[in-house]
Amino acid sequence: LAAISFGLAALATEERTKPLHLVVSLMKRRTRGSIRAVVQGAGVSVDTIFPQLLESGALVQVLLSPPLQPLYTHLLSSSRSEISFLDATDAVPAGSSVTVGSLSAMLEHQNLLVLGLLPHDAPLSLAPRQSKRLTIDHGDRLV
């Protein structure tokens, strides 16, 4: 919380041309309210990630698709792994309606995992159900 407060104070002296968006990893849900209180009124939006939920979603994906196990093992190991955003329209054309499972299967051969979706007009969604249907739009990003 102190680091966020300090960062916001430093940013207050600068003129921003883009809105500030923080993605924060938290271990306890009760901390989310404190984070939101710190950024309230600062023109900052916040998404929170709970690693334990992400890991449990990953375990379900491995159970449903055992070939993913080596990818998750690598991702959760101490070796260098990378989580990044991919333009969803690089995977499927805009306007396509796909399930998370079918999207995961399409990208699996490229050694890519779908951990979540950041729609252009909605909050970040991590570890979505494999059966969840998505309509891909321009500006949507895959995690």
C-alpha atoms as a PDB file:
ATOM      1  CA  LEU A   1       0.000   0.000   0.000  1.00  0.00           C
ATOM      2  CA  ALA A   2       2.843   2.352   0.821  1.00  0.00           C
ATOM      3  CA  ALA A   3       4.442   1.771  -2.601  1.00  0.00           C
ATOM      4  CA  ILE A   4       1.152   2.528  -4.357  1.00  0.00           C
ATOM      5  CA  SER A   5       0.635   5.682  -2.269  1.00  0.00           C
ATOM      6  CA  PHE A   6       4.188   6.837  -3.000  1.00  0.00           C
ATOM      7  CA  GLY A   7       3.792   6.120  -6.722  1.00  0.00           C
ATOM      8  CA  LEU A   8       0.497   8.006  -6.900  1.00  0.00           C
ATOM      9  CA  ALA A   9       2.033  10.999  -5.114  1.00  0.00           C
ATOM     10  CA  ALA A  10       4.887  11.053  -7.640  1.00  0.00           C
ATOM     11  CA  LEU A  11       2.462  10.736 -10.552  1.00  0.00           C
ATOM     12  CA  ALA A  12       0.311  13.578  -9.226  1.00  0.00           C
ATOM     13  CA  THR A  13       3.091  15.986 -10.175  1.00  0.00           C
ATOM     14  CA  GLU A  14       3.104  14.790 -13.806  1.00  0.00           C
ATOM     15  CA  GLU A  15       0.563  15.429 -16.526  1.00  0.00           C
ATOM     16  CA  ARG A  16      -0.870  12.132 -17.777  1.00  0.00           C
ATOM     17  CA  THR A  17      -2.200  11.672 -21.288  1.00  0.00           C
ATOM     18  CA  LYS A  18      -3.447   8.133 -20.662  1.00  0.00           C
ATOM     19  CA  PRO A  19      -5.414   6.783 -17.703  1.00  0.00           C
ATOM     20  CA  LEU A  20      -3.380   4.784 -15.197  1.00  0.00           C
ATOM     21  CA  HIS A  21      -4.388   1.166 -14.715  1.00  0.00           C
ATOM     22  CA  LEU A  22      -2.826  -0.999 -11.987  1.00  0.00           C
ATOM     23  CA  VAL A  23      -2.837  -4.786 -11.896  1.00  0.00           C
ATOM     24  CA  VAL A  24      -2.121  -5.900  -8.327  1.00  0.00           C
ATOM     25  CA  SER A  25      -1.389  -9.410  -7.063  1.00  0.00           C
ATOM     26  CA  LEU A  26      -2.942 -10.038  -3.638  1.00  0.00           C
ATOM     27  CA  MET A  27      -2.918 -12.965  -1.256  1.00  0.00           C
ATOM     28  CA  LYS A  28      -5.894 -11.877   0.870  1.00  0.00           C
ATOM     29  CA  ARG A  29      -9.232 -10.611  -0.422  1.00  0.00           C
ATOM     30  CA  ARG A  30      -9.638  -8.141   2.433  1.00  0.00           C
ATOM     31  CA  THR A  31      -6.657  -6.157   1.090  1.00  0.00           C
ATOM     32  CA  ARG A  32      -8.629  -5.268  -2.077  1.00  0.00           C
ATOM     33  CA  GLY A  33     -10.696  -2.668  -0.196  1.00  0.00           C
ATOM     34  CA  SER A  34      -7.554  -1.000   1.161  1.00  0.00           C
ATOM     35  CA  ILE A  35      -6.052  -0.768  -2.338  1.00  0.00           C
ATOM     36  CA  ARG A  36      -9.235   0.781  -3.724  1.00  0.00           C
ATOM     37  CA  ALA A  37      -9.345   3.280  -0.840  1.00  0.00           C
ATOM     38  CA  VAL A  38      -5.769   4.387  -1.594  1.00  0.00           C
ATOM     39  CA  VAL A  39      -6.458   5.003  -5.302  1.00  0.00           C
ATOM     40  CA  GLN A  40      -9.955   6.459  -4.874  1.00  0.00           C
ATOM     41  CA  GLY A  41     -10.207   9.844  -6.520  1.00  0.00           C
ATOM     42  CA  ALA A  42      -6.794   9.533  -8.165  1.00  0.00           C
ATOM     43  CA  GLY A  43      -8.165   8.673 -11.610  1.00  0.00           C
ATOM     44  CA  VAL A  44      -6.698   5.164 -11.388  1.00  0.00           C
ATOM     45  CA  SER A  45      -8.407   1.872 -12.168  1.00  0.00           C
ATOM     46  CA  VAL A  46      -7.330  -1.340 -10.440  1.00  0.00           C
ATOM     47  CA  ASP A  47      -7.606  -5.029 -11.300  1.00  0.00           C
ATOM     48  CA  THR A  48      -6.687  -7.540  -8.621  1.00  0.00           C
ATOM     49  CA  ILE A  49      -5.204 -10.964  -9.219  1.00  0.00           C
ATOM     50  CA  PHE A  50      -5.329 -13.708  -6.617  1.00  0.00           C
ATOM     51  CA  PRO A  51      -2.534 -16.180  -7.490  1.00  0.00           C
ATOM     52  CA  GLN A  52      -4.146 -19.036  -5.574  1.00  0.00           C
ATOM     53  CA  LEU A  53      -7.262 -18.753  -7.763  1.00  0.00           C
ATOM     54  CA  LEU A  54      -5.136 -18.624 -10.887  1.00  0.00           C
ATOM     55  CA  GLU A  55      -3.265 -21.762  -9.803  1.00  0.00           C
ATOM     56  CA  SER A  56      -6.485 -23.654  -9.009  1.00  0.00           C
ATOM     57  CA  GLY A  57      -7.880 -22.703 -12.436  1.00  0.00           C
ATOM     58  CA  ALA A  58      -4.636 -23.935 -13.990  1.00  0.00           C
ATOM     59  CA  LEU A  59      -4.955 -27.285 -12.213  1.00  0.00           C
ATOM     60  CA  VAL A  60      -8.465 -27.731 -13.608  1.00  0.00           C
ATOM     61  CA  GLN A  61      -7.171 -26.980 -17.121  1.00  0.00           C
ATOM     62  CA  VAL A  62      -4.452 -29.630 -16.695  1.00  0.00           C
ATOM     63  CA  LEU A  63      -7.014 -32.174 -15.499  1.00  0.00           C
ATOM     64  CA  LEU A  64      -9.161 -31.442 -18.563  1.00  0.00           C
ATOM     65  CA  SER A  65      -6.190 -31.445 -20.943  1.00  0.00           C
ATOM     66  CA  PRO A  66      -3.208 -33.455 -19.598  1.00  0.00           C
ATOM     67  CA  PRO A  67      -0.853 -32.352 -22.441  1.00  0.00           C
ATOM     68  CA  LEU A  68      -0.869 -28.875 -20.840  1.00  0.00           C
ATOM     69  CA  GLN A  69       0.884 -30.189 -17.729  1.00  0.00           C
ATOM     70  CA  PRO A  70       4.454 -29.468 -18.957  1.00  0.00           C
ATOM     71  CA  LEU A  71       3.485 -25.887 -19.817  1.00  0.00           C
ATOM     72  CA  TYR A  72       2.003 -25.238 -16.380  1.00  0.00           C
ATOM     73  CA  THR A  73       4.940 -26.932 -14.673  1.00  0.00           C
ATOM     74  CA  HIS A  74       7.288 -24.576 -16.519  1.00  0.00           C
ATOM     75  CA  LEU A  75       5.117 -21.542 -15.800  1.00  0.00           C
ATOM     76  CA  LEU A  76       4.940 -22.253 -12.072  1.00  0.00           C
ATOM     77  CA  SER A  77       8.609 -23.225 -11.710  1.00  0.00           C
ATOM     78  CA  SER A  78      11.400 -20.910 -10.640  1.00  0.00           C
ATOM     79  CA  SER A  79      12.749 -20.827 -14.207  1.00  0.00           C
ATOM     80  CA  ARG A  80      12.050 -17.858 -16.416  1.00  0.00           C
ATOM     81  CA  SER A  81       8.473 -17.895 -17.628  1.00  0.00           C
ATOM     82  CA  GLU A  82       6.559 -15.076 -19.177  1.00  0.00           C
ATOM     83  CA  ILE A  83       2.959 -14.031 -18.892  1.00  0.00           C
ATOM     84  CA  SER A  84       2.023 -11.560 -21.578  1.00  0.00           C
ATOM     85  CA  PHE A  85      -0.919 -10.174 -23.489  1.00  0.00           C
ATOM     86  CA  LEU A  86      -1.737 -11.302 -27.025  1.00  0.00           C
ATOM     87  CA  ASP A  87      -4.160  -9.484 -29.280  1.00  0.00           C
ATOM     88  CA  ALA A  88      -7.100 -11.911 -29.404  1.00  0.00           C
ATOM     89  CA  THR A  89      -7.640 -11.173 -33.103  1.00  0.00           C
ATOM     90  CA  ASP A  90      -4.184 -12.659 -33.761  1.00  0.00           C
ATOM     91  CA  ALA A  91      -5.723 -15.998 -32.738  1.00  0.00           C
ATOM     92  CA  VAL A  92      -9.199 -15.740 -34.275  1.00  0.00           C
ATOM     93  CA  PRO A  93     -10.929 -13.155 -36.476  1.00  0.00           C
ATOM     94  CA  ALA A  94     -12.898 -10.348 -34.810  1.00  0.00           C
ATOM     95  CA  GLY A  95     -16.532 -11.316 -34.389  1.00  0.00           C
ATOM     96  CA  SER A  96     -15.693 -15.008 -33.844  1.00  0.00           C
ATOM     97  CA  SER A  97     -17.585 -16.802 -31.105  1.00  0.00           C
ATOM     98  CA  VAL A  98     -15.393 -19.432 -29.423  1.00  0.00           C
ATOM     99  CA  THR A  99     -15.171 -21.222 -26.106  1.00  0.00           C
ATOM    100  CA  VAL A 100     -12.144 -20.741 -23.885  1.00  0.00           C
ATOM    101  CA  GLY A 101     -11.429 -24.463 -24.344  1.00  0.00           C
ATOM    102  CA  SER A 102     -11.417 -24.286 -28.143  1.00  0.00           C
ATOM    103  CA  LEU A 103      -9.267 -21.139 -28.048  1.00  0.00           C
ATOM    104  CA  SER A 104      -6.836 -22.893 -25.703  1.00  0.00           C
ATOM    105  CA  ALA A 105      -6.690 -25.895 -28.036  1.00  0.00           C
ATOM    106  CA  MET A 106      -5.950 -23.624 -31.023  1.00  0.00           C
ATOM    107  CA  LEU A 107      -3.025 -21.987 -29.236  1.00  0.00           C
ATOM    108  CA  GLU A 108      -1.671 -25.084 -27.499  1.00  0.00           C
ATOM    109  CA  HIS A 109       0.344 -26.153 -30.567  1.00  0.00           C
ATOM    110  CA  GLN A 110       2.255 -22.843 -30.288  1.00  0.00           C
ATOM    111  CA  ASN A 111       3.080 -23.630 -26.633  1.00  0.00           C
ATOM    112  CA  LEU A 112       0.741 -20.855 -25.539  1.00  0.00           C
ATOM    113  CA  LEU A 113      -1.722 -21.076 -22.662  1.00  0.00           C
ATOM    114  CA  VAL A 114      -4.857 -19.022 -22.268  1.00  0.00           C
ATOM    115  CA  LEU A 115      -4.875 -17.918 -18.638  1.00  0.00           C
ATOM    116  CA  GLY A 116      -7.518 -15.257 -19.060  1.00  0.00           C
ATOM    117  CA  LEU A 117      -9.071 -12.534 -21.172  1.00  0.00           C
ATOM    118  CA  LEU A 118      -8.906  -8.750 -20.993  1.00  0.00           C
ATOM    119  CA  PRO A 119     -11.856  -7.534 -23.069  1.00  0.00           C
ATOM    120  CA  HIS A 120     -11.602  -4.032 -24.493  1.00  0.00           C
ATOM    121  CA  ASP A 121     -14.744  -3.020 -22.591  1.00  0.00           C
ATOM    122  CA  ALA A 122     -14.723  -5.124 -19.408  1.00  0.00           C
ATOM    123  CA  PRO A 123     -12.497  -6.085 -16.454  1.00  0.00           C
ATOM    124  CA  LEU A 124      -9.790  -8.725 -16.595  1.00  0.00           C
ATOM    125  CA  SER A 125     -11.088 -12.296 -16.286  1.00  0.00           C
ATOM    126  CA  LEU A 126      -8.562 -14.911 -15.131  1.00  0.00           C
ATOM    127  CA  ALA A 127      -8.957 -18.701 -15.201  1.00  0.00           C
ATOM    128  CA  PRO A 128     -12.330 -18.673 -17.000  1.00  0.00           C
ATOM    129  CA  ARG A 129     -14.290 -21.917 -17.374  1.00  0.00           C
ATOM    130  CA  GLN A 130     -13.308 -23.890 -20.482  1.00  0.00           C
ATOM    131  CA  SER A 131     -16.959 -23.896 -21.541  1.00  0.00           C
ATOM    132  CA  LYS A 132     -17.261 -20.086 -21.325  1.00  0.00           C
ATOM    133  CA  ARG A 133     -18.215 -18.676 -24.732  1.00  0.00           C
ATOM    134  CA  LEU A 134     -16.410 -15.542 -25.877  1.00  0.00           C
ATOM    135  CA  THR A 135     -17.115 -13.231 -28.777  1.00  0.00           C
ATOM    136  CA  ILE A 136     -13.762 -11.798 -29.815  1.00  0.00           C
ATOM    137  CA  ASP A 137     -13.707  -8.084 -30.628  1.00  0.00           C
ATOM    138  CA  HIS A 138     -10.983  -5.696 -31.756  1.00  0.00           C
ATOM    139  CA  GLY A 139      -9.000  -4.585 -28.717  1.00  0.00           C
ATOM    140  CA  ASP A 140      -9.589  -7.791 -26.726  1.00  0.00           C
ATOM    141  CA  ARG A 141      -6.413  -9.316 -25.326  1.00  0.00           C
ATOM    142  CA  LEU A 142      -5.612 -12.820 -24.160  1.00  0.00           C
ATOM    143  CA  VAL A 143      -3.469 -13.453 -21.082  1.00  0.00           C
END
